[in-house]
């Protein structure tokens, strides 16, 4: 449990000191003496003590201090000198402590507003007098043009996904499992899935022809055009589409992510 605070703020501290009517005093932080008055005038001691507290307040500290007074002080007051009276205090009063606690001080706020106004003024001047930018090199313009193409961006994203899968799944078989590719159609398996395996993995029991006929006309047209292109350009179209279908069936989230890159 912390020590009780007897007085808060400079005025209360100086008044308590003067009421004791004992001139010699020290103002301490723990065992360290921060201020010492060994004269014989309470008025002078109170004035010097107040000035010292004002200097401490510049740091806006909320620390607890102790004021000690000595009826019969020795010639040299030090840490081991026994005081007659003492009380705990803080140099900030309740209002000052509240302002420091919420980080608000009108004096500093006004100063910050002045600095902000000056900064905005400088920015406006710079905006009115823009510096001429150096032209972009031809090679950099060419690279920016390539990277701005959607197909190039999609290719780079696909490569990044493959890199991440390869990093976290070091063997090809493990990477294939993450992608949802069954062992029988992994690269190097050397075979195309038989119709029975396709029917087993379909899982819907629906007639493919009926599913095709249920598509909207625009989707049918796109599917027909896509199949014509794929059949003409990819001899392994059956295997590749089967892999894609397995990803959809076993990991729909991964399928949607790949589809979003297209």
Protein backbone atom coordinates (compact mmCIF):
# COMPACT_ATOMS: atom_id res chain seq x y z
CA UNK A 1 0.00 0.00 0.00
CA UNK A 2 1.43 3.41 -1.01
CA UNK A 3 2.15 6.25 1.37
CA UNK A 4 -0.60 8.77 2.05
CA UNK A 5 -0.37 12.16 0.32
CA UNK A 6 -0.78 14.98 2.84
CA UNK A 7 -0.58 18.02 0.58
CA UNK A 8 -0.97 18.61 -3.18
CA UNK A 9 0.42 21.57 -5.11
CA UNK A 10 2.98 24.29 -4.42
CA UNK A 11 0.68 26.62 -2.47
CA UNK A 12 -0.39 23.89 -0.02
CA UNK A 13 3.20 22.73 0.48
CA UNK A 14 4.60 26.22 1.16
CA UNK A 15 1.69 27.03 3.50
CA UNK A 16 2.28 23.82 5.49
CA UNK A 17 6.00 24.65 5.75
CA UNK A 18 5.32 28.18 7.00
CA UNK A 19 2.75 27.00 9.58
CA UNK A 20 5.43 24.86 11.24
CA UNK A 21 7.45 28.04 11.77
CA UNK A 22 10.70 26.03 11.55
CA UNK A 23 13.09 27.49 8.95
CA UNK A 24 15.50 24.61 8.28
CA UNK A 25 14.07 22.13 5.78
CA UNK A 26 14.85 19.69 2.99
CA UNK A 27 12.75 18.62 0.03
CA UNK A 28 13.46 14.97 -0.76
CA UNK A 29 12.76 12.29 -3.34
CA UNK A 30 13.12 9.06 -1.45
CA UNK A 31 16.40 9.41 0.48
CA UNK A 32 17.83 11.95 -1.97
CA UNK A 33 17.85 15.62 -0.90
CA UNK A 34 16.74 17.79 -3.83
CA UNK A 35 16.51 21.12 -1.97
CA UNK A 36 17.93 22.27 1.36
CA UNK A 37 17.43 25.49 3.31
CA UNK A 38 19.53 25.93 6.46
CA UNK A 39 18.87 29.64 7.11
CA UNK A 40 16.86 31.17 9.95
CA UNK A 41 14.00 32.90 8.06
CA UNK A 42 10.73 31.08 7.39
CA UNK A 43 9.75 33.76 4.86
CA UNK A 44 12.97 33.34 2.92
CA UNK A 45 12.78 29.55 3.18
CA UNK A 46 9.19 29.54 1.90
CA UNK A 47 10.07 31.77 -1.06
CA UNK A 48 13.06 29.62 -2.09
CA UNK A 49 11.04 26.42 -1.61
CA UNK A 50 8.26 27.78 -3.85
CA UNK A 51 10.75 28.73 -6.57
CA UNK A 52 12.29 25.27 -6.46
CA UNK A 53 8.87 23.60 -6.77
CA UNK A 54 8.08 25.81 -9.78
CA UNK A 55 11.26 24.55 -11.43
CA UNK A 56 10.25 20.94 -10.76
CA UNK A 57 6.77 21.50 -12.20
CA UNK A 58 8.26 22.23 -15.61
CA UNK A 59 8.87 18.49 -15.89
CA UNK A 60 5.17 17.76 -15.14
CA UNK A 61 6.12 14.91 -12.84
CA UNK A 62 3.43 13.19 -10.76
CA UNK A 63 5.98 11.78 -8.29
CA UNK A 64 5.60 11.84 -4.51
CA UNK A 65 8.06 13.92 -2.46
CA UNK A 66 8.72 14.44 1.24
CA UNK A 67 9.29 17.79 3.00
CA UNK A 68 11.33 17.53 6.22
CA UNK A 69 11.91 20.26 8.84
CA UNK A 70 14.57 20.42 11.58
CA UNK A 71 14.20 22.25 14.91
CA UNK A 72 17.89 22.07 15.76
CA UNK A 73 19.70 21.57 12.45
CA UNK A 74 23.43 20.80 12.42
CA UNK A 75 25.83 22.85 10.36
CA UNK A 76 25.64 20.30 7.56
CA UNK A 77 22.20 18.73 6.92
CA UNK A 78 22.59 15.42 5.09
CA UNK A 79 20.63 12.23 4.39
CA UNK A 80 21.29 10.81 7.85
CA UNK A 81 20.12 13.94 9.71
CA UNK A 82 16.97 13.14 11.69
CA UNK A 83 14.04 15.45 11.00
CA UNK A 84 11.49 16.59 13.59
CA UNK A 85 8.51 16.71 11.22
CA UNK A 86 7.84 15.45 7.69
CA UNK A 87 4.94 15.08 5.29
CA UNK A 88 4.39 13.57 1.86
CA UNK A 89 3.34 15.78 -1.02
CA UNK A 90 3.01 16.13 -4.77
CA UNK A 91 4.03 19.29 -6.59
CA UNK A 92 0.91 19.21 -8.84
CA UNK A 93 -2.48 20.17 -7.42
CA UNK A 94 -5.60 18.22 -8.39
CA UNK A 95 -6.33 20.27 -11.53
CA UNK A 96 -2.73 20.17 -12.75
CA UNK A 97 -2.54 16.45 -12.10
CA UNK A 98 -5.72 15.87 -14.12
CA UNK A 99 -4.35 17.86 -17.07
CA UNK A 100 -1.09 15.92 -17.05
CA UNK A 101 -3.00 12.65 -16.72
CA UNK A 102 -4.96 13.21 -19.91
CA UNK A 103 -1.97 14.71 -21.74
CA UNK A 104 -3.52 18.15 -22.07
CA UNK A 105 -1.87 21.49 -21.39
CA UNK A 106 -3.23 24.68 -22.92
CA UNK A 107 0.17 26.33 -23.06
CA UNK A 108 1.65 23.52 -25.12
CA UNK A 109 -1.54 23.20 -27.17
CA UNK A 110 -1.28 26.84 -28.29
CA UNK A 111 2.37 26.33 -29.21
CA UNK A 112 1.54 23.18 -31.17
CA UNK A 113 -1.22 25.03 -33.04
CA UNK A 114 1.29 27.71 -34.04
CA UNK A 115 3.73 25.09 -35.29
CA UNK A 116 0.98 23.30 -37.21
CA UNK A 117 -0.11 26.55 -38.86
CA UNK A 118 3.46 27.26 -39.92
CA UNK A 119 3.84 23.74 -41.33
CA UNK A 120 0.62 24.05 -43.36
CA UNK A 121 1.81 27.39 -44.70
CA UNK A 122 5.10 25.87 -45.83
CA UNK A 123 3.27 23.00 -47.53
CA UNK A 124 1.05 25.45 -49.42
CA UNK A 125 4.12 27.32 -50.67
CA UNK A 126 5.70 24.07 -51.83
CA UNK A 127 2.47 23.13 -53.61
CA UNK A 128 2.39 26.44 -55.47
CA UNK A 129 5.98 25.94 -56.63
CA UNK A 130 6.19 22.23 -57.57
CA UNK A 131 9.54 20.82 -58.45
CA UNK A 132 9.98 19.42 -61.93
CA UNK A 133 10.10 15.63 -61.84
CA UNK A 134 12.74 13.83 -63.83
CA UNK A 135 11.32 11.78 -66.72
CA UNK A 136 11.03 8.04 -66.08
CA UNK A 137 13.67 5.97 -67.93
CA UNK A 138 12.40 4.08 -71.01
CA UNK A 139 13.23 0.68 -69.48
CA UNK A 140 11.21 1.52 -66.35
CA UNK A 141 8.26 2.66 -68.48
CA UNK A 142 8.36 -0.65 -70.34
CA UNK A 143 8.41 -2.70 -67.12
CA UNK A 144 5.54 -0.69 -65.64
CA UNK A 145 3.53 -1.26 -68.82
CA UNK A 146 4.07 -5.02 -68.63
CA UNK A 147 3.23 -5.24 -64.92
CA UNK A 148 0.03 -3.25 -65.45
CA UNK A 149 -1.47 -5.98 -67.64
CA UNK A 150 -4.06 -8.14 -65.78
CA UNK A 151 -2.79 -11.39 -67.29
CA UNK A 152 0.74 -10.68 -66.06
CA UNK A 153 -0.55 -9.79 -62.58
CA UNK A 154 -2.57 -13.03 -62.44
CA UNK A 155 0.47 -15.05 -63.53
CA UNK A 156 2.62 -13.50 -60.80
CA UNK A 157 -0.04 -14.18 -58.14
CA UNK A 158 -0.30 -17.82 -59.28
CA UNK A 159 3.48 -18.21 -59.06
CA UNK A 160 3.46 -16.74 -55.57
CA UNK A 161 0.80 -19.24 -54.46
CA UNK A 162 2.92 -22.07 -55.86
CA UNK A 163 5.95 -20.76 -54.01
CA UNK A 164 4.10 -20.66 -50.68
CA UNK A 165 2.80 -24.20 -51.19
CA UNK A 166 6.29 -25.41 -52.03
CA UNK A 167 7.74 -23.68 -48.96
CA UNK A 168 5.34 -25.20 -46.47
CA UNK A 169 5.06 -28.58 -48.23
CA UNK A 170 8.54 -29.61 -49.25
CA UNK A 171 7.69 -32.85 -51.09
CA UNK A 172 5.69 -32.87 -54.37
CA UNK A 173 3.23 -35.39 -52.90
CA UNK A 174 2.49 -33.13 -49.93
CA UNK A 175 1.98 -30.14 -52.22
CA UNK A 176 -0.39 -32.21 -54.35
CA UNK A 177 -2.47 -33.13 -51.29
CA UNK A 178 -2.81 -29.45 -50.36
CA UNK A 179 -4.03 -28.74 -53.90
CA UNK A 180 -6.63 -31.53 -53.64
CA UNK A 181 -5.07 -33.72 -56.37
CA UNK A 182 -5.54 -37.47 -55.75
CA UNK A 183 -2.47 -39.75 -56.10
CA UNK A 184 -3.75 -41.45 -59.25
CA UNK A 185 -3.61 -38.22 -61.26
CA UNK A 186 -0.50 -36.65 -59.79
CA UNK A 187 2.31 -35.79 -62.23
CA UNK A 188 4.17 -38.95 -63.14
CA UNK A 189 1.33 -41.29 -62.36
CA UNK A 190 1.15 -42.05 -66.07
CA UNK A 191 -2.56 -42.75 -66.30
CA UNK A 192 -5.83 -40.96 -66.88
CA UNK A 193 -8.64 -41.69 -64.38
CA UNK A 194 -11.12 -44.27 -65.56
CA UNK A 195 -14.86 -43.50 -65.89
CA UNK A 196 -15.67 -45.47 -62.74
CA UNK A 197 -13.34 -43.25 -60.68
CA UNK A 198 -14.94 -40.15 -62.16
CA UNK A 199 -18.41 -41.42 -61.24
CA UNK A 200 -17.17 -42.25 -57.69
CA UNK A 201 -15.71 -38.79 -57.13
CA UNK A 202 -18.63 -36.90 -58.64
CA UNK A 203 -20.72 -37.53 -55.56
CA UNK A 204 -23.84 -35.91 -56.95
CA UNK A 205 -25.46 -38.74 -58.92
CA UNK A 206 -26.78 -36.14 -61.38
CA UNK A 207 -26.71 -36.64 -65.16
CA UNK A 208 -23.92 -34.43 -66.66
CA UNK A 209 -26.13 -33.81 -69.68
CA UNK A 210 -28.94 -32.55 -67.50
CA UNK A 211 -26.53 -30.28 -65.60
CA UNK A 212 -25.27 -28.88 -68.90
CA UNK A 213 -28.78 -28.20 -70.16
CA UNK A 214 -29.61 -26.40 -66.92
CA UNK A 215 -26.88 -23.81 -67.51
CA UNK A 216 -27.91 -20.32 -68.63
CA UNK A 217 -27.46 -19.76 -72.37
CA UNK A 218 -24.51 -17.42 -71.92
CA UNK A 219 -22.69 -19.99 -69.72
CA UNK A 220 -23.33 -22.73 -72.31
CA UNK A 221 -21.81 -20.56 -75.04
CA UNK A 222 -18.76 -19.79 -72.93
CA UNK A 223 -18.33 -23.45 -71.97
CA UNK A 224 -18.57 -24.61 -75.61
CA UNK A 225 -16.04 -22.00 -76.74
CA UNK A 226 -13.68 -22.85 -73.88
CA UNK A 227 -13.85 -26.59 -74.60
CA UNK A 228 -13.10 -26.02 -78.29
CA UNK A 229 -9.99 -24.01 -77.40
CA UNK A 230 -8.84 -26.44 -74.70
CA UNK A 231 -9.36 -29.55 -76.83
CA UNK A 232 -7.34 -27.99 -79.64
CA UNK A 233 -4.47 -26.73 -77.48
CA UNK A 234 -4.12 -29.16 -74.53
CA UNK A 235 -3.67 -32.90 -75.26
CA UNK A 236 -4.02 -33.60 -71.51
CA UNK A 237 -7.21 -31.60 -71.10
CA UNK A 238 -9.05 -34.49 -69.46
CA UNK A 239 -6.41 -34.96 -66.76
CA UNK A 240 -6.10 -31.24 -66.11
CA UNK A 241 -9.82 -30.65 -65.85
CA UNK A 242 -10.13 -33.65 -63.55
CA UNK A 243 -7.53 -32.11 -61.23
CA UNK A 244 -9.48 -28.86 -61.23
CA UNK A 245 -12.72 -30.70 -60.46
CA UNK A 246 -11.10 -32.47 -57.51
CA UNK A 247 -9.93 -29.16 -56.08
CA UNK A 248 -13.53 -27.89 -56.26
CA UNK A 249 -14.85 -31.03 -54.59
CA UNK A 250 -12.23 -31.42 -51.85
CA UNK A 251 -11.27 -27.80 -51.18
CA UNK A 252 -13.93 -25.32 -52.42
CA UNK A 253 -12.15 -22.38 -50.82
CA UNK A 254 -8.94 -23.04 -52.76
CA UNK A 255 -10.96 -23.46 -55.97
CA UNK A 256 -12.64 -20.08 -55.47
CA UNK A 257 -9.27 -18.48 -54.82
CA UNK A 258 -7.86 -19.90 -58.08
CA UNK A 259 -11.00 -18.88 -59.98
CA UNK A 260 -10.70 -15.31 -58.69
CA UNK A 261 -7.24 -15.08 -60.25
CA UNK A 262 -8.57 -15.86 -63.75
